[in-house]
Each structure stands twice: as structure tokens, then as C-alpha cells.
PDB file of N, CA and C in Angstrom:
ATOM      1  N   MET A   1      16.949  10.618   3.541  1.00  0.00           N
ATOM      2  CA  MET A   1      17.033   9.841   2.306  1.00  0.00           C
ATOM      3  C   MET A   1      15.892   8.828   2.218  1.00  0.00           C
ATOM      4  N   ALA A   2      15.612   8.140   3.331  1.00  0.00           N
ATOM      5  CA  ALA A   2      14.574   7.107   3.338  1.00  0.00           C
ATOM      6  C   ALA A   2      13.203   7.710   3.060  1.00  0.00           C
ATOM      7  N   LEU A   3      12.938   8.899   3.602  1.00  0.00           N
ATOM      8  CA  LEU A   3      11.647   9.547   3.378  1.00  0.00           C
ATOM      9  C   LEU A   3      11.480   9.914   1.905  1.00  0.00           C
ATOM     10  N   GLU A   4      12.544  10.437   1.289  1.00  0.00           N
ATOM     11  CA  GLU A   4      12.485  10.768  -0.138  1.00  0.00           C
ATOM     12  C   GLU A   4      12.220   9.511  -0.959  1.00  0.00           C
ATOM     13  N   LYS A   5      12.875   8.418  -0.592  1.00  0.00           N
ATOM     14  CA  LYS A   5      12.687   7.150  -1.315  1.00  0.00           C
ATOM     15  C   LYS A   5      11.237   6.676  -1.183  1.00  0.00           C
ATOM     16  N   ALA A   6      10.701   6.723   0.035  1.00  0.00           N
ATOM     17  CA  ALA A   6       9.316   6.297   0.262  1.00  0.00           C
ATOM     18  C   ALA A   6       8.358   7.160  -0.555  1.00  0.00           C
ATOM     19  N   LYS A   7       8.561   8.479  -0.534  1.00  0.00           N
ATOM     20  CA  LYS A   7       7.675   9.381  -1.275  1.00  0.00           C
ATOM     21  C   LYS A   7       7.785   9.159  -2.778  1.00  0.00           C
ATOM     22  N   GLU A   8       8.987   8.850  -3.259  1.00  0.00           N
ATOM     23  CA  GLU A   8       9.191   8.565  -4.678  1.00  0.00           C
ATOM     24  C   GLU A   8       8.433   7.293  -5.075  1.00  0.00           C
ATOM     25  N   ILE A   9       8.505   6.257  -4.244  1.00  0.00           N
ATOM     26  CA  ILE A   9       7.792   4.999  -4.521  1.00  0.00           C
ATOM     27  C   ILE A   9       6.291   5.258  -4.564  1.00  0.00           C
ATOM     28  N   VAL A  10       5.782   6.023  -3.597  1.00  0.00           N
ATOM     29  CA  VAL A  10       4.341   6.319  -3.523  1.00  0.00           C
ATOM     30  C   VAL A  10       3.901   7.139  -4.741  1.00  0.00           C
ATOM     31  N   SER A  11       4.697   8.145  -5.121  1.00  0.00           N
ATOM     32  CA  SER A  11       4.277   9.023  -6.214  1.00  0.00           C
ATOM     33  C   SER A  11       4.421   8.371  -7.588  1.00  0.00           C
ATOM     34  N   SER A  12       5.284   7.357  -7.716  1.00  0.00           N
ATOM     35  CA  SER A  12       5.493   6.759  -9.035  1.00  0.00           C
ATOM     36  C   SER A  12       4.729   5.457  -9.250  1.00  0.00           C
ATOM     37  N   ASN A  13       3.901   5.059  -8.279  1.00  0.00           N
ATOM     38  CA  ASN A  13       3.093   3.835  -8.412  1.00  0.00           C
ATOM     39  C   ASN A  13       1.655   4.138  -8.012  1.00  0.00           C
ATOM     40  N   PRO A  14       0.671   3.651  -8.798  1.00  0.00           N
ATOM     41  CA  PRO A  14      -0.729   3.890  -8.434  1.00  0.00           C
ATOM     42  C   PRO A  14      -1.066   3.324  -7.050  1.00  0.00           C
ATOM     43  N   VAL A  15      -0.444   2.179  -6.728  1.00  0.00           N
ATOM     44  CA  VAL A  15      -0.639   1.562  -5.416  1.00  0.00           C
ATOM     45  C   VAL A  15       0.727   1.118  -4.894  1.00  0.00           C
ATOM     46  N   ALA A  16       1.019   1.521  -3.664  1.00  0.00           N
ATOM     47  CA  ALA A  16       2.256   1.083  -3.015  1.00  0.00           C
ATOM     48  C   ALA A  16       1.902   0.442  -1.682  1.00  0.00           C
ATOM     49  N   VAL A  17       2.480  -0.727  -1.450  1.00  0.00           N
ATOM     50  CA  VAL A  17       2.283  -1.444  -0.194  1.00  0.00           C
ATOM     51  C   VAL A  17       3.651  -1.649   0.439  1.00  0.00           C
ATOM     52  N   PHE A  18       3.880  -0.986   1.556  1.00  0.00           N
ATOM     53  CA  PHE A  18       5.101  -1.218   2.315  1.00  0.00           C
ATOM     54  C   PHE A  18       4.797  -2.387   3.237  1.00  0.00           C
ATOM     55  N   SER A  19       5.580  -3.446   3.090  1.00  0.00           N
ATOM     56  CA  SER A  19       5.217  -4.746   3.626  1.00  0.00           C
ATOM     57  C   SER A  19       6.432  -5.415   4.256  1.00  0.00           C
ATOM     58  N   LYS A  20       6.189  -6.522   4.927  1.00  0.00           N
ATOM     59  CA  LYS A  20       7.260  -7.440   5.331  1.00  0.00           C
ATOM     60  C   LYS A  20       6.827  -8.823   4.865  1.00  0.00           C
ATOM     61  N   SER A  21       7.755  -9.535   4.261  1.00  0.00           N
ATOM     62  CA  SER A  21       7.409 -10.793   3.591  1.00  0.00           C
ATOM     63  C   SER A  21       6.785 -11.816   4.528  1.00  0.00           C
ATOM     64  N   TYR A  22       7.125 -11.775   5.818  1.00  0.00           N
ATOM     65  CA  TYR A  22       6.626 -12.779   6.768  1.00  0.00           C
ATOM     66  C   TYR A  22       5.369 -12.330   7.511  1.00  0.00           C
ATOM     67  N   CYS A  23       4.887 -11.125   7.250  1.00  0.00           N
ATOM     68  CA  CYS A  23       3.761 -10.568   8.006  1.00  0.00           C
ATOM     69  C   CYS A  23       2.420 -11.069   7.442  1.00  0.00           C
ATOM     70  N   PRO A  24       1.611 -11.757   8.270  1.00  0.00           N
ATOM     71  CA  PRO A  24       0.336 -12.294   7.758  1.00  0.00           C
ATOM     72  C   PRO A  24      -0.645 -11.204   7.317  1.00  0.00           C
ATOM     73  N   PHE A  25      -0.620 -10.031   7.958  1.00  0.00           N
ATOM     74  CA  PHE A  25      -1.511  -8.944   7.556  1.00  0.00           C
ATOM     75  C   PHE A  25      -1.094  -8.389   6.192  1.00  0.00           C
ATOM     76  N   CYS A  26       0.209  -8.348   5.960  1.00  0.00           N
ATOM     77  CA  CYS A  26       0.724  -7.896   4.665  1.00  0.00           C
ATOM     78  C   CYS A  26       0.305  -8.871   3.566  1.00  0.00           C
ATOM     79  N   VAL A  27       0.419 -10.169   3.865  1.00  0.00           N
ATOM     80  CA  VAL A  27       0.009 -11.202   2.909  1.00  0.00           C
ATOM     81  C   VAL A  27      -1.472 -11.027   2.573  1.00  0.00           C
ATOM     82  N   ASP A  28      -2.302 -10.772   3.597  1.00  0.00           N
ATOM     83  CA  ASP A  28      -3.745 -10.592   3.378  1.00  0.00           C
ATOM     84  C   ASP A  28      -4.035  -9.401   2.470  1.00  0.00           C
ATOM     85  N   VAL A  29      -3.349  -8.275   2.702  1.00  0.00           N
ATOM     86  CA  VAL A  29      -3.584  -7.085   1.885  1.00  0.00           C
ATOM     87  C   VAL A  29      -3.151  -7.324   0.442  1.00  0.00           C
ATOM     88  N   LYS A  30      -1.993  -7.939   0.252  1.00  0.00           N
ATOM     89  CA  LYS A  30      -1.510  -8.206  -1.115  1.00  0.00           C
ATOM     90  C   LYS A  30      -2.444  -9.190  -1.822  1.00  0.00           C
ATOM     91  N   LYS A  31      -2.967 -10.174  -1.069  1.00  0.00           N
ATOM     92  CA  LYS A  31      -3.916 -11.146  -1.631  1.00  0.00           C
ATOM     93  C   LYS A  31      -5.203 -10.427  -2.055  1.00  0.00           C
ATOM     94  N   LEU A  32      -5.715  -9.542  -1.198  1.00  0.00           N
ATOM     95  CA  LEU A  32      -6.930  -8.785  -1.513  1.00  0.00           C
ATOM     96  C   LEU A  32      -6.718  -7.944  -2.778  1.00  0.00           C
ATOM     97  N   LEU A  33      -5.614  -7.232  -2.842  1.00  0.00           N
ATOM     98  CA  LEU A  33      -5.339  -6.397  -4.020  1.00  0.00           C
ATOM     99  C   LEU A  33      -5.234  -7.249  -5.287  1.00  0.00           C
ATOM    100  N   THR A  34      -4.619  -8.420  -5.158  1.00  0.00           N
ATOM    101  CA  THR A  34      -4.500  -9.329  -6.297  1.00  0.00           C
ATOM    102  C   THR A  34      -5.882  -9.833  -6.719  1.00  0.00           C
ATOM    103  N   GLU A  35      -6.724 -10.185  -5.733  1.00  0.00           N
ATOM    104  CA  GLU A  35      -8.065 -10.706  -6.023  1.00  0.00           C
ATOM    105  C   GLU A  35      -8.941  -9.689  -6.749  1.00  0.00           C
ATOM    106  N   VAL A  36      -8.780  -8.399  -6.431  1.00  0.00           N
ATOM    107  CA  VAL A  36      -9.591  -7.384  -7.114  1.00  0.00           C
ATOM    108  C   VAL A  36      -8.938  -6.919  -8.414  1.00  0.00           C
ATOM    109  N   GLY A  37      -7.810  -7.530  -8.751  1.00  0.00           N
ATOM    110  CA  GLY A  37      -7.168  -7.248 -10.033  1.00  0.00           C
ATOM    111  C   GLY A  37      -6.322  -5.993 -10.067  1.00  0.00           C
ATOM    112  N   ALA A  38      -5.859  -5.548  -8.906  1.00  0.00           N
ATOM    113  CA  ALA A  38      -5.058  -4.322  -8.852  1.00  0.00           C
ATOM    114  C   ALA A  38      -3.593  -4.610  -9.151  1.00  0.00           C
ATOM    115  N   SER A  39      -2.972  -3.686  -9.859  1.00  0.00           N
ATOM    116  CA  SER A  39      -1.521  -3.753  -9.996  1.00  0.00           C
ATOM    117  C   SER A  39      -0.960  -2.881  -8.883  1.00  0.00           C
ATOM    118  N   PHE A  40       0.053  -3.386  -8.202  1.00  0.00           N
ATOM    119  CA  PHE A  40       0.610  -2.634  -7.082  1.00  0.00           C
ATOM    120  C   PHE A  40       2.092  -2.914  -6.937  1.00  0.00           C
ATOM    121  N   LYS A  41       2.766  -2.006  -6.294  1.00  0.00           N
ATOM    122  CA  LYS A  41       4.198  -2.147  -5.988  1.00  0.00           C
ATOM    123  C   LYS A  41       4.294  -2.529  -4.521  1.00  0.00           C
ATOM    124  N   ALA A  42       4.843  -3.707  -4.259  1.00  0.00           N
ATOM    125  CA  ALA A  42       5.071  -4.138  -2.881  1.00  0.00           C
ATOM    126  C   ALA A  42       6.545  -3.929  -2.553  1.00  0.00           C
ATOM    127  N   VAL A  43       6.799  -3.241  -1.468  1.00  0.00           N
ATOM    128  CA  VAL A  43       8.165  -3.024  -1.006  1.00  0.00           C
ATOM    129  C   VAL A  43       8.328  -3.839   0.274  1.00  0.00           C
ATOM    130  N   GLU A  44       9.100  -4.907   0.182  1.00  0.00           N
ATOM    131  CA  GLU A  44       9.309  -5.802   1.326  1.00  0.00           C
ATOM    132  C   GLU A  44      10.428  -5.212   2.188  1.00  0.00           C
ATOM    133  N   LEU A  45      10.029  -4.534   3.256  1.00  0.00           N
ATOM    134  CA  LEU A  45      10.995  -3.808   4.080  1.00  0.00           C
ATOM    135  C   LEU A  45      12.024  -4.728   4.736  1.00  0.00           C
ATOM    136  N   ASP A  46      11.652  -5.988   4.974  1.00  0.00           N
ATOM    137  CA  ASP A  46      12.609  -6.922   5.577  1.00  0.00           C
ATOM    138  C   ASP A  46      13.659  -7.393   4.572  1.00  0.00           C
ATOM    139  N   ARG A  47      13.455  -7.072   3.305  1.00  0.00           N
ATOM    140  CA  ARG A  47      14.395  -7.489   2.262  1.00  0.00           C
ATOM    141  C   ARG A  47      15.156  -6.304   1.671  1.00  0.00           C
ATOM    142  N   GLU A  48      14.827  -5.092   2.114  1.00  0.00           N
ATOM    143  CA  GLU A  48      15.512  -3.883   1.639  1.00  0.00           C
ATOM    144  C   GLU A  48      16.640  -3.554   2.609  1.00  0.00           C
ATOM    145  N   SER A  49      17.789  -3.160   2.073  1.00  0.00           N
ATOM    146  CA  SER A  49      18.925  -2.838   2.956  1.00  0.00           C
ATOM    147  C   SER A  49      18.590  -1.660   3.875  1.00  0.00           C
ATOM    148  N   ASP A  50      17.743  -0.749   3.396  1.00  0.00           N
ATOM    149  CA  ASP A  50      17.349   0.412   4.203  1.00  0.00           C
ATOM    150  C   ASP A  50      15.908   0.302   4.695  1.00  0.00           C
ATOM    151  N   GLY A  51      15.422  -0.925   4.816  1.00  0.00           N
ATOM    152  CA  GLY A  51      14.029  -1.155   5.202  1.00  0.00           C
ATOM    153  C   GLY A  51      13.635  -0.540   6.533  1.00  0.00           C
ATOM    154  N   SER A  52      14.501  -0.652   7.533  1.00  0.00           N
ATOM    155  CA  SER A  52      14.144  -0.092   8.845  1.00  0.00           C
ATOM    156  C   SER A  52      14.115   1.433   8.790  1.00  0.00           C
ATOM    157  N   GLU A  53      14.998   2.026   7.988  1.00  0.00           N
ATOM    158  CA  GLU A  53      14.986   3.483   7.824  1.00  0.00           C
ATOM    159  C   GLU A  53      13.712   3.933   7.101  1.00  0.00           C
ATOM    160  N   ILE A  54      13.313   3.172   6.083  1.00  0.00           N
ATOM    161  CA  ILE A  54      12.073   3.507   5.358  1.00  0.00           C
ATOM    162  C   ILE A  54      10.882   3.384   6.298  1.00  0.00           C
ATOM    163  N   GLN A  55      10.860   2.331   7.116  1.00  0.00           N
ATOM    164  CA  GLN A  55       9.749   2.147   8.053  1.00  0.00           C
ATOM    165  C   GLN A  55       9.687   3.309   9.045  1.00  0.00           C
ATOM    166  N   ALA A  56      10.834   3.747   9.532  1.00  0.00           N
ATOM    167  CA  ALA A  56      10.875   4.883  10.458  1.00  0.00           C
ATOM    168  C   ALA A  56      10.402   6.157   9.764  1.00  0.00           C
ATOM    169  N   ALA A  57      10.794   6.337   8.498  1.00  0.00           N
ATOM    170  CA  ALA A  57      10.377   7.514   7.728  1.00  0.00           C
ATOM    171  C   ALA A  57       8.868   7.492   7.494  1.00  0.00           C
ATOM    172  N   LEU A  58       8.316   6.310   7.210  1.00  0.00           N
ATOM    173  CA  LEU A  58       6.864   6.180   7.026  1.00  0.00           C
ATOM    174  C   LEU A  58       6.131   6.534   8.314  1.00  0.00           C
ATOM    175  N   ALA A  59       6.686   6.136   9.451  1.00  0.00           N
ATOM    176  CA  ALA A  59       6.070   6.448  10.745  1.00  0.00           C
ATOM    177  C   ALA A  59       6.031   7.957  10.955  1.00  0.00           C
ATOM    178  N   GLN A  60       7.112   8.627  10.600  1.00  0.00           N
ATOM    179  CA  GLN A  60       7.157  10.102  10.700  1.00  0.00           C
ATOM    180  C   GLN A  60       6.128  10.736   9.775  1.00  0.00           C
ATOM    181  N   TRP A  61       6.066  10.231   8.535  1.00  0.00           N
ATOM    182  CA  TRP A  61       5.233  10.807   7.491  1.00  0.00           C
ATOM    183  C   TRP A  61       3.748  10.573   7.755  1.00  0.00           C
ATOM    184  N   THR A  62       3.398   9.337   8.137  1.00  0.00           N
ATOM    185  CA  THR A  62       1.984   8.958   8.206  1.00  0.00           C
ATOM    186  C   THR A  62       1.472   8.780   9.637  1.00  0.00           C
ATOM    187  N   GLY A  63       2.382   8.680  10.599  1.00  0.00           N
ATOM    188  CA  GLY A  63       1.973   8.396  11.965  1.00  0.00           C
ATOM    189  C   GLY A  63       1.729   6.910  12.190  1.00  0.00           C
ATOM    190  N   GLN A  64       1.972   6.101  11.172  1.00  0.00           N
ATOM    191  CA  GLN A  64       1.765   4.653  11.269  1.00  0.00           C
ATOM    192  C   GLN A  64       3.105   3.944  11.157  1.00  0.00           C
ATOM    193  N   ARG A  65       3.460   3.207  12.190  1.00  0.00           N
ATOM    194  CA  ARG A  65       4.750   2.503  12.179  1.00  0.00           C
ATOM    195  C   ARG A  65       4.590   1.065  11.677  1.00  0.00           C
ATOM    196  N   THR A  66       3.386   0.527  11.766  1.00  0.00           N
ATOM    197  CA  THR A  66       3.173  -0.887  11.437  1.00  0.00           C
ATOM    198  C   THR A  66       3.051  -1.109   9.930  1.00  0.00           C
ATOM    199  N   VAL A  67       3.226  -2.365   9.539  1.00  0.00           N
ATOM    200  CA  VAL A  67       2.999  -2.783   8.160  1.00  0.00           C
ATOM    201  C   VAL A  67       1.819  -3.735   8.146  1.00  0.00           C
ATOM    202  N   PRO A  68       1.079  -3.834   7.062  1.00  0.00           N
ATOM    203  CA  PRO A  68       1.313  -3.121   5.811  1.00  0.00           C
ATOM    204  C   PRO A  68       0.941  -1.645   5.936  1.00  0.00           C
ATOM    205  N   ASN A  69       1.599  -0.855   5.128  1.00  0.00           N
ATOM    206  CA  ASN A  69       1.308   0.567   5.057  1.00  0.00           C
ATOM    207  C   ASN A  69       0.930   0.819   3.606  1.00  0.00           C
ATOM    208  N   VAL A  70      -0.353   1.075   3.366  1.00  0.00           N
ATOM    209  CA  VAL A  70      -0.911   1.077   2.016  1.00  0.00           C
ATOM    210  C   VAL A  70      -1.195   2.502   1.538  1.00  0.00           C
ATOM    211  N   PHE A  71      -0.786   2.771   0.306  1.00  0.00           N
ATOM    212  CA  PHE A  71      -1.059   4.046  -0.359  1.00  0.00           C
ATOM    213  C   PHE A  71      -1.738   3.757  -1.690  1.00  0.00           C
ATOM    214  N   ILE A  72      -2.816   4.497  -1.975  1.00  0.00           N
ATOM    215  CA  ILE A  72      -3.509   4.373  -3.263  1.00  0.00           C
ATOM    216  C   ILE A  72      -3.622   5.768  -3.857  1.00  0.00           C
ATOM    217  N   GLY A  73      -3.120   5.907  -5.082  1.00  0.00           N
ATOM    218  CA  GLY A  73      -3.173   7.213  -5.742  1.00  0.00           C
ATOM    219  C   GLY A  73      -2.482   8.297  -4.938  1.00  0.00           C
ATOM    220  N   GLY A  74      -1.410   7.925  -4.231  1.00  0.00           N
ATOM    221  CA  GLY A  74      -0.661   8.880  -3.433  1.00  0.00           C
ATOM    222  C   GLY A  74      -1.267   9.173  -2.077  1.00  0.00           C
ATOM    223  N   LYS A  75      -2.436   8.601  -1.800  1.00  0.00           N
ATOM    224  CA  LYS A  75      -3.131   8.859  -0.536  1.00  0.00           C
ATOM    225  C   LYS A  75      -2.873   7.710   0.436  1.00  0.00           C
ATOM    226  N   HIS A  76      -2.554   8.066   1.672  1.00  0.00           N
ATOM    227  CA  HIS A  76      -2.311   7.049   2.694  1.00  0.00           C
ATOM    228  C   HIS A  76      -3.644   6.431   3.120  1.00  0.00           C
ATOM    229  N   ILE A  77      -3.763   5.113   2.982  1.00  0.00           N
ATOM    230  CA  ILE A  77      -4.988   4.396   3.351  1.00  0.00           C
ATOM    231  C   ILE A  77      -4.883   3.879   4.777  1.00  0.00           C
ATOM    232  N   GLY A  78      -3.739   3.298   5.106  1.00  0.00           N
ATOM    233  CA  GLY A  78      -3.538   2.721   6.430  1.00  0.00           C
ATOM    234  C   GLY A  78      -3.027   1.308   6.307  1.00  0.00           C
ATOM    235  N   GLY A  79      -3.430   0.469   7.246  1.00  0.00           N
ATOM    236  CA  GLY A  79      -2.957  -0.907   7.281  1.00  0.00           C
ATOM    237  C   GLY A  79      -3.976  -1.889   6.755  1.00  0.00           C
ATOM    238  N   CYS A  80      -3.853  -3.118   7.197  1.00  0.00           N
ATOM    239  CA  CYS A  80      -4.726  -4.201   6.742  1.00  0.00           C
ATOM    240  C   CYS A  80      -6.189  -3.921   7.088  1.00  0.00           C
ATOM    241  N   ASP A  81      -6.456  -3.593   8.353  1.00  0.00           N
ATOM    242  CA  ASP A  81      -7.843  -3.368   8.775  1.00  0.00           C
ATOM    243  C   ASP A  81      -8.493  -2.247   7.971  1.00  0.00           C
ATOM    244  N   ALA A  82      -7.775  -1.151   7.769  1.00  0.00           N
ATOM    245  CA  ALA A  82      -8.323  -0.002   7.041  1.00  0.00           C
ATOM    246  C   ALA A  82      -8.590  -0.360   5.580  1.00  0.00           C
ATOM    247  N   THR A  83      -7.691  -1.128   4.982  1.00  0.00           N
ATOM    248  CA  THR A  83      -7.844  -1.516   3.572  1.00  0.00           C
ATOM    249  C   THR A  83      -9.031  -2.465   3.405  1.00  0.00           C
ATOM    250  N   VAL A  84      -9.140  -3.442   4.303  1.00  0.00           N
ATOM    251  CA  VAL A  84     -10.254  -4.404   4.254  1.00  0.00           C
ATOM    252  C   VAL A  84     -11.580  -3.681   4.512  1.00  0.00           C
ATOM    253  N   ALA A  85     -11.591  -2.757   5.477  1.00  0.00           N
ATOM    254  CA  ALA A  85     -12.813  -2.005   5.784  1.00  0.00           C
ATOM    255  C   ALA A  85     -13.236  -1.167   4.581  1.00  0.00           C
ATOM    256  N   LEU A  86     -12.279  -0.554   3.913  1.00  0.00           N
ATOM    257  CA  LEU A  86     -12.578   0.238   2.711  1.00  0.00           C
ATOM    258  C   LEU A  86     -13.207  -0.655   1.638  1.00  0.00           C
ATOM    259  N   HIS A  87     -12.679  -1.879   1.500  1.00  0.00           N
ATOM    260  CA  HIS A  87     -13.215  -2.820   0.523  1.00  0.00           C
ATOM    261  C   HIS A  87     -14.640  -3.240   0.890  1.00  0.00           C
ATOM    262  N   LYS A  88     -14.867  -3.509   2.177  1.00  0.00           N
ATOM    263  CA  LYS A  88     -16.204  -3.936   2.623  1.00  0.00           C
ATOM    264  C   LYS A  88     -17.243  -2.839   2.410  1.00  0.00           C
ATOM    265  N   LYS A  89     -16.819  -1.577   2.493  1.00  0.00           N
ATOM    266  CA  LYS A  89     -17.739  -0.453   2.259  1.00  0.00           C
ATOM    267  C   LYS A  89     -17.909  -0.169   0.763  1.00  0.00           C
ATOM    268  N   GLY A  90     -17.188  -0.913  -0.066  1.00  0.00           N
ATOM    269  CA  GLY A  90     -17.297  -0.724  -1.506  1.00  0.00           C
ATOM    270  C   GLY A  90     -16.449   0.419  -2.038  1.00  0.00           C
ATOM    271  N   GLY A  91     -15.516   0.903  -1.247  1.00  0.00           N
ATOM    272  CA  GLY A  91     -14.716   2.043  -1.678  1.00  0.00           C
ATOM    273  C   GLY A  91     -13.360   1.707  -2.279  1.00  0.00           C
ATOM    274  N   LEU A  92     -12.896   0.471  -2.081  1.00  0.00           N
ATOM    275  CA  LEU A  92     -11.541   0.124  -2.520  1.00  0.00           C
ATOM    276  C   LEU A  92     -11.414   0.091  -4.045  1.00  0.00           C
ATOM    277  N   VAL A  93     -12.278  -0.664  -4.712  1.00  0.00           N
ATOM    278  CA  VAL A  93     -12.147  -0.825  -6.166  1.00  0.00           C
ATOM    279  C   VAL A  93     -12.314   0.509  -6.902  1.00  0.00           C
ATOM    280  N   PRO A  94     -13.334   1.344  -6.550  1.00  0.00           N
ATOM    281  CA  PRO A  94     -13.416   2.651  -7.219  1.00  0.00           C
ATOM    282  C   PRO A  94     -12.163   3.508  -7.005  1.00  0.00           C
ATOM    283  N   MET A  95     -11.600   3.437  -5.803  1.00  0.00           N
ATOM    284  CA  MET A  95     -10.383   4.199  -5.526  1.00  0.00           C
ATOM    285  C   MET A  95      -9.220   3.663  -6.360  1.00  0.00           C
ATOM    286  N   LEU A  96      -9.125   2.345  -6.482  1.00  0.00           N
ATOM    287  CA  LEU A  96      -8.089   1.727  -7.299  1.00  0.00           C
ATOM    288  C   LEU A  96      -8.269   2.106  -8.766  1.00  0.00           C
ATOM    289  N   ALA A  97      -9.521   2.127  -9.236  1.00  0.00           N
ATOM    290  CA  ALA A  97      -9.803   2.499 -10.628  1.00  0.00           C
ATOM    291  C   ALA A  97      -9.414   3.956 -10.886  1.00  0.00           C
ATOM    292  N   GLU A  98      -9.738   4.809  -9.946  1.00  0.00           N
ATOM    293  CA  GLU A  98      -9.412   6.231 -10.076  1.00  0.00           C
ATOM    294  C   GLU A  98      -7.892   6.421 -10.132  1.00  0.00           C
ATOM    295  N   ALA A  99      -7.165   5.607  -9.392  1.00  0.00           N
ATOM    296  CA  ALA A  99      -5.696   5.694  -9.368  1.00  0.00           C
ATOM    297  C   ALA A  99      -5.061   5.037 -10.599  1.00  0.00           C
ATOM    298  N   GLY A 100      -5.897   4.327 -11.388  1.00  0.00           N
ATOM    299  CA  GLY A 100      -5.374   3.652 -12.576  1.00  0.00           C
ATOM    300  C   GLY A 100      -4.756   2.301 -12.286  1.00  0.00           C
ATOM    301  N   ALA A 101      -5.087   1.724 -11.133  1.00  0.00           N
ATOM    302  CA  ALA A 101      -4.504   0.434 -10.746  1.00  0.00           C
ATOM    303  C   ALA A 101      -5.339  -0.758 -11.186  1.00  0.00           C
ATOM    304  N   VAL A 102      -6.604  -0.506 -11.531  1.00  0.00           N
ATOM    305  CA  VAL A 102      -7.455  -1.566 -12.082  1.00  0.00           C
ATOM    306  C   VAL A 102      -8.177  -0.993 -13.298  1.00  0.00           C
ATOM    307  N   ALA A 103      -8.579  -1.899 -14.183  1.00  0.00           N
ATOM    308  CA  ALA A 103      -9.337  -1.459 -15.344  1.00  0.00           C
ATOM    309  C   ALA A 103     -10.680  -0.917 -14.884  1.00  0.00           C
ATOM    310  N   LYS A 104     -11.115   0.144 -15.494  1.00  0.00           N
ATOM    311  CA  LYS A 104     -12.412   0.730 -15.135  1.00  0.00           C
ATOM    312  C   LYS A 104     -13.506  -0.288 -15.460  1.00  0.00           C
ATOM    313  N   VAL A 105     -14.429  -0.427 -14.531  1.00  0.00           N
ATOM    314  CA  VAL A 105     -15.523  -1.377 -14.706  1.00  0.00           C
ATOM    315  C   VAL A 105     -16.663  -0.639 -15.420  1.00  0.00           C
ATOM    316  N   SER A 106     -17.085  -1.223 -16.545  1.00  0.00           N
ATOM    317  CA  SER A 106     -18.188  -0.565 -17.266  1.00  0.00           C
ATOM    318  C   SER A 106     -19.512  -1.023 -16.673  1.00  0.00           C
ATOM    319  N   ALA A 107     -20.383  -0.083 -16.434  1.00  0.00           N
ATOM    320  CA  ALA A 107     -21.671  -0.393 -15.790  1.00  0.00           C
ATOM    321  C   ALA A 107     -22.694  -0.812 -16.807  1.00  0.00           C
TER     322      ALA A 107
END
């Protein structure tokens, strides 16, 4: 059930961040996404009744047990380090635009 729920959240949102409200890395990723103007769905696993089941399902699905667990356009990005690295390489905003999470930037 938890895996279906996680996949439904990922498929119905351009950006999904599986997070824990007290996690500093999760806060950093949500702050970065907010700063670049992305709309995203944050799922605070520590506040969900089935949060631990969802986290276990994400670990099975992606091989990543830690949070944040970031998906853009249905694609698993990874955690905080992977998301920040993608941004530093200039790949985050175009990926967000392609997923429809930010307004397309006119050149």
C-alpha cells in the first residue's frame, strides 16, 4: 500500500520531496526549490501516519532510505547532495521547467 501511495504522489506532482520536518537536509532542499521558484509537493514522513512504511517502500523502490528523497518529473533525483549538485551544474532549473514545476525562462 505504501509503495502505491508513494508512486501516486510522484506521478501526480511535477516535483515530490519525501521529507522529515526536523531534517536540516530536507529544509535545505525545500529552501533551494523555493528559491528557484519551483512548485513542489513535500510529504513530511514524520507527520504521516504511514510515514515509516512509505520510507521503507521508497528504500525498496529507489535504493535510498534517507530523506530528503527528491523526484522531478517522475524521475528519482536522490537526496540533498544530488539535488544541490544538479543545481550547481545548471541542470536543476531546466529539469524543473521540463516537468512544469517552474515557468519556462525565455532567453
